[in-house]
Protein backbone atom coordinates (compact mmCIF):
# COMPACT_ATOMS: atom_id res chain seq x y z
CA UNK A 1 84.69 -69.74 58.47
CA UNK A 2 81.11 -70.37 59.52
CA UNK A 3 79.83 -69.71 63.03
CA UNK A 4 76.37 -69.93 64.52
CA UNK A 5 74.99 -66.86 66.31
CA UNK A 6 72.57 -67.66 69.11
CA UNK A 7 70.38 -65.08 70.84
CA UNK A 8 70.27 -65.49 74.60
CA UNK A 9 68.29 -65.88 76.77
CA UNK A 10 64.93 -67.25 75.96
CA UNK A 11 64.23 -66.96 72.25
CA UNK A 12 67.05 -69.27 71.17
CA UNK A 13 67.19 -67.66 67.74
CA UNK A 14 70.03 -69.17 65.75
CA UNK A 15 71.57 -67.48 62.73
CA UNK A 16 74.42 -68.77 60.60
CA UNK A 17 77.19 -66.28 59.87
CA UNK A 18 79.95 -66.74 57.34
CA UNK A 19 83.17 -64.80 57.81
CA UNK A 20 85.35 -64.70 54.68
CA UNK A 21 88.74 -66.33 55.30
CA UNK A 22 90.57 -63.25 54.06
CA UNK A 23 88.87 -61.15 56.79
CA UNK A 24 89.72 -63.49 59.68
CA UNK A 25 93.15 -62.03 60.53
CA UNK A 26 91.60 -58.62 61.24
CA UNK A 27 88.06 -59.59 62.31
CA UNK A 28 87.43 -57.99 65.70
CA UNK A 29 84.61 -58.48 68.17
CA UNK A 30 83.50 -54.91 67.32
CA UNK A 31 83.11 -55.94 63.66
CA UNK A 32 81.09 -58.97 64.76
CA UNK A 33 78.88 -56.72 66.89
CA UNK A 34 78.29 -54.44 63.90
CA UNK A 35 77.17 -57.46 61.85
CA UNK A 36 74.77 -58.48 64.63
CA UNK A 37 73.40 -54.92 64.85
CA UNK A 38 72.55 -55.09 61.12
CA UNK A 39 69.66 -57.36 62.14
CA UNK A 40 67.65 -54.14 62.62
CA UNK A 41 67.35 -54.44 66.34
CA UNK A 42 66.04 -51.45 68.32
CA UNK A 43 68.80 -51.97 70.90
CA UNK A 44 72.16 -50.17 70.91
CA UNK A 45 75.60 -51.69 70.40
CA UNK A 46 76.52 -50.65 73.96
CA UNK A 47 73.87 -53.07 75.21
CA UNK A 48 75.18 -55.96 73.09
CA UNK A 49 77.31 -58.58 74.82
CA UNK A 50 78.99 -61.38 72.87
CA UNK A 51 79.92 -64.66 74.60
CA UNK A 52 82.08 -67.54 73.39
CA UNK A 53 82.73 -70.55 75.63
CA UNK A 54 81.61 -68.71 78.79
CA UNK A 55 83.80 -65.64 78.13
CA UNK A 56 82.43 -62.19 77.40
CA UNK A 57 84.36 -60.94 74.39
CA UNK A 58 86.05 -57.54 74.37
CA UNK A 59 85.39 -55.27 71.39
CA UNK A 60 89.01 -54.51 70.53
CA UNK A 61 90.17 -58.13 70.46
CA UNK A 62 90.30 -60.36 67.40
CA UNK A 63 88.09 -63.43 67.20
CA UNK A 64 91.28 -65.45 66.73
CA UNK A 65 92.46 -64.31 70.19
CA UNK A 66 89.47 -66.20 71.59
CA UNK A 67 90.24 -69.25 69.46
CA UNK A 68 86.90 -69.05 67.64
CA UNK A 69 86.83 -71.97 65.23
CA UNK A 70 84.76 -72.98 62.23
CA UNK A 71 81.42 -74.35 63.43
CA UNK A 72 81.54 -72.69 66.87
CA UNK A 73 78.48 -71.08 68.44
CA UNK A 74 78.75 -67.47 69.54
CA UNK A 75 76.03 -66.32 71.90
CA UNK A 76 74.82 -62.75 72.09
CA UNK A 77 72.50 -60.96 74.45
CA UNK A 78 71.32 -57.47 75.10
CA UNK A 79 71.61 -56.07 78.61
CA UNK A 80 71.48 -52.44 79.68
CA UNK A 81 74.73 -50.74 80.57
CA UNK A 82 74.60 -49.81 84.24
CA UNK A 83 75.19 -46.17 85.03
CA UNK A 84 78.78 -45.56 86.08
CA UNK A 85 80.15 -48.52 84.11
CA UNK A 86 81.85 -48.11 80.77
CA UNK A 87 81.39 -50.34 77.76
CA UNK A 88 83.91 -52.98 76.81
């Protein structure tokens, strides 16, 4: 399955990502975040938020639970975690 990663806001950087079909049944949002973090960003994974069709995705859920389909765009952004609030 191929998806398009899009950095938000502002820069509008778009990166294609291919997820092997055999990995799809167990591909979680946390795994997706790890792939995004491989881009050598100075940010932390706690600051990374992943959005698909206006929903912020939870780390423990599978992409299939969000009905992510071949060709979809997944947006990601970095925002600081506010003190007193846990991660996803």
